[in-house]
Amino acid sequence: MSRFNVSVIVVNYNCFTTLNDCIRSILLSKAVGELLLVDNASTDGSMDLIEKYTADARLKIIRLNRNVGLAGARNLAATRTRGHYIAFTDADSKVGPEWLQDPCFLLETHKEMGAVQCKILSYKHPDKIWHAGAGLDGFNYWDMPKESLTSYRRILFPIGAGFVIRRDAWNLVKGFDPAFFVDYDDIDLGIRLWLSGYEVICSSKGIVYHDGGNLRRRKDIAPIFQFCDMKNMLSIWAKDLQGRTLVKQVLPFSLLYPFMAFWRFGVLGVMAVISFLKKLPSILVKRHEVQRLRKISDEKIILMLRSAEALPLQMFANDFQAFYKYIFRRIRAMI
């Protein structure tokens, strides 16, 4: 094992065009103690691309006979890791040679830090930051020149495309919520880390290159993202927010959320709301666990929630504004 004892997890689902570069870049990193590659029942032949890397004893392949989702596959792999730290990146990303050193050093020297995100640059435009997190100062660090982030930032959540988490923090919050098939799983993890007393930091030195939005644009996956987008955000509100926050932000507009869901994603959005309501009893069980571990109030992270556009009132206001503009344009066109 390396000095920092790091286990890296990658989940693949039909990422034929990017998987080879991803695995090659990870295995070139000296800090990697082991790499667990989980294949979510891919059908595009992408796993054939990594046969040439199987001679590296660090690479361990887990082949699933069905797609259990991104969160479920990550959790499964985490149960088989040996490292003191667990690192995640995506199959449509590639990592810099020193991507783990600074995040692991921060975790080694600052026990209050639960997870450290890398500085994630655009895969196609590496001179730009793709995303560096929703900050404690209320600023969303994305689509910026890479030189604009040269110091550490407290952020709401670690982007799944590249971050490291300490094992004790992972065990405390029980990893990703497996009910989040895909999307918002990292936001939920970050919120729960903060509520449990850990900080989440963005490193300015650990570099990952991510093809942001690549999976969302794929016709075979886009509907899944749209469905999970609505369902998972509702689950975050129900699980993670304090009661008084729910009373102020959710209840006054609760009857309007089906309309908001339809406005966003059509029938898929309404189906997501129905699915959320069916799962509400199990979500409330999880809420009890999250609130039991709570050490800080929502006010401590409210600016980060706002910058991540994760507040119910904020999302409703944005959708209402977009709907108003749409109606105004239609009326104007008719006149």
Foldseek 3Di string as FASTA:
>chain_A
DAPQFEEEEEEDAQPQPQQLQAVVQVVLAPRHQAYEYEYAQHDNCSVVSCPVVVVPPRYDYHYDNHHLADQVRVLVVVVVGDGQKYKAAYSQKHWHNCQVVVFSVCVVVPVQAFKEAEQEAAQVDRQFGQFQAQFLVLATRHGHGLVVDDAKTFHQFHPRRIMMGGPVLCVLLVGFDSVLRDDCRRNLSSLLSVQLRHIYMYGSPNYMHGNPCPQCPDPVCVLVCLLSVQLVLVLSCLQRADPVLCVVFPVVCVVCQLVLLCLRRNPSRNVSVVVNVVCVVVSVVNSVSSNVSGDDHCVSRVSNCVSVVSTRNSSVVVSVVVVVVVVVVVVVVVD
